[in-house]
Amino acid sequence: MLADPEGNVAEAFDVPVTDGAAQRTTLVVVDGTVRAIYEGVAPEGHARDVVDDLAETGLVRP
């Protein structure tokens, strides 16, 4: 996760910012392999959704 409240990282990588926020994408990387991609997510409940999905695959225990 990356917090960028001042927008410095977004600016450095030319990431578009709308109303103070960049489009959210979460990558789940396990041992160097991308196991899941979540695009255009909203913060509300997203972490729980990811943990639930990872529990279903056996990668974590809830």
C-alpha atoms as a PDB file:
ATOM      1  CA  MET A   1       0.000   0.000   0.000  1.00  0.00           C
ATOM      2  CA  LEU A   2       1.100   3.515  -0.644  1.00  0.00           C
ATOM      3  CA  ALA A   3      -0.193   6.680   0.963  1.00  0.00           C
ATOM      4  CA  ASP A   4       0.417   9.771  -1.150  1.00  0.00           C
ATOM      5  CA  PRO A   5      -1.605  12.564   0.473  1.00  0.00           C
ATOM      6  CA  GLU A   6       0.409  15.322  -1.197  1.00  0.00           C
ATOM      7  CA  GLY A   7       0.289  13.660  -4.631  1.00  0.00           C
ATOM      8  CA  ASN A   8       4.066  13.644  -5.056  1.00  0.00           C
ATOM      9  CA  VAL A   9       4.309  10.005  -6.156  1.00  0.00           C
ATOM     10  CA  ALA A  10       1.345  10.345  -8.514  1.00  0.00           C
ATOM     11  CA  GLU A  11       2.958  13.382 -10.084  1.00  0.00           C
ATOM     12  CA  ALA A  12       6.360  11.671 -10.394  1.00  0.00           C
ATOM     13  CA  PHE A  13       4.805   8.774 -12.321  1.00  0.00           C
ATOM     14  CA  ASP A  14       2.282  10.854 -14.304  1.00  0.00           C
ATOM     15  CA  VAL A  15      -0.675   9.153 -12.626  1.00  0.00           C
ATOM     16  CA  PRO A  16      -3.936  10.983 -13.329  1.00  0.00           C
ATOM     17  CA  VAL A  17      -5.589  12.336 -10.189  1.00  0.00           C
ATOM     18  CA  THR A  18      -9.272  13.289 -10.062  1.00  0.00           C
ATOM     19  CA  ASP A  19     -10.729  15.109  -7.060  1.00  0.00           C
ATOM     20  CA  GLY A  20      -7.559  14.366  -5.094  1.00  0.00           C
ATOM     21  CA  ALA A  21      -7.511  10.621  -5.743  1.00  0.00           C
ATOM     22  CA  ALA A  22      -5.920   8.318  -8.295  1.00  0.00           C
ATOM     23  CA  GLN A  23      -7.769   5.325  -9.684  1.00  0.00           C
ATOM     24  CA  ARG A  24      -7.194   2.499  -7.269  1.00  0.00           C
ATOM     25  CA  THR A  25      -5.696  -0.796  -8.331  1.00  0.00           C
ATOM     26  CA  THR A  26      -4.592  -3.554  -5.981  1.00  0.00           C
ATOM     27  CA  LEU A  27      -2.161  -6.271  -7.020  1.00  0.00           C
ATOM     28  CA  VAL A  28      -1.699  -9.402  -4.942  1.00  0.00           C
ATOM     29  CA  VAL A  29       1.825 -10.720  -5.539  1.00  0.00           C
ATOM     30  CA  VAL A  30       2.928 -14.035  -4.041  1.00  0.00           C
ATOM     31  CA  ASP A  31       6.502 -15.232  -4.529  1.00  0.00           C
ATOM     32  CA  GLY A  32       6.953 -12.861  -7.462  1.00  0.00           C
ATOM     33  CA  THR A  33       3.765 -13.958  -9.256  1.00  0.00           C
ATOM     34  CA  VAL A  34       0.717 -11.744  -9.646  1.00  0.00           C
ATOM     35  CA  ARG A  35      -2.115 -13.835  -8.202  1.00  0.00           C
ATOM     36  CA  ALA A  36      -4.926 -11.266  -8.365  1.00  0.00           C
ATOM     37  CA  ILE A  37      -5.667  -7.828  -9.789  1.00  0.00           C
ATOM     38  CA  TYR A  38      -8.433  -5.583  -8.484  1.00  0.00           C
ATOM     39  CA  GLU A  39      -9.034  -2.506 -10.655  1.00  0.00           C
ATOM     40  CA  GLY A  40     -11.114   0.573  -9.970  1.00  0.00           C
ATOM     41  CA  VAL A  41     -11.762  -0.374  -6.358  1.00  0.00           C
ATOM     42  CA  ALA A  42     -13.327   1.770  -3.668  1.00  0.00           C
ATOM     43  CA  PRO A  43     -11.645   1.879  -0.248  1.00  0.00           C
ATOM     44  CA  GLU A  44     -14.821   0.998   1.639  1.00  0.00           C
ATOM     45  CA  GLY A  45     -14.724  -2.751   2.286  1.00  0.00           C
ATOM     46  CA  HIS A  46     -11.976  -3.454  -0.245  1.00  0.00           C
ATOM     47  CA  ALA A  47      -9.467  -4.829   2.259  1.00  0.00           C
ATOM     48  CA  ARG A  48     -12.085  -7.268   3.585  1.00  0.00           C
ATOM     49  CA  ASP A  49     -12.921  -8.394   0.040  1.00  0.00           C
ATOM     50  CA  VAL A  50      -9.250  -9.086  -0.693  1.00  0.00           C
ATOM     51  CA  VAL A  51      -8.754 -11.014   2.566  1.00  0.00           C
ATOM     52  CA  ASP A  52     -11.898 -13.061   1.862  1.00  0.00           C
ATOM     53  CA  ASP A  53     -10.672 -13.892  -1.649  1.00  0.00           C
ATOM     54  CA  LEU A  54      -7.219 -14.838  -0.356  1.00  0.00           C
ATOM     55  CA  ALA A  55      -8.799 -17.050   2.319  1.00  0.00           C
ATOM     56  CA  GLU A  56     -10.819 -18.836  -0.364  1.00  0.00           C
ATOM     57  CA  THR A  57      -7.615 -19.638  -2.250  1.00  0.00           C
ATOM     58  CA  GLY A  58      -5.853 -20.765   0.928  1.00  0.00           C
ATOM     59  CA  LEU A  59      -3.199 -18.025   0.784  1.00  0.00           C
ATOM     60  CA  VAL A  60      -4.243 -16.589   4.170  1.00  0.00           C
ATOM     61  CA  ARG A  61      -6.379 -17.536   7.127  1.00  0.00           C
ATOM     62  CA  PRO A  62      -9.042 -14.940   8.030  1.00  0.00           C
END
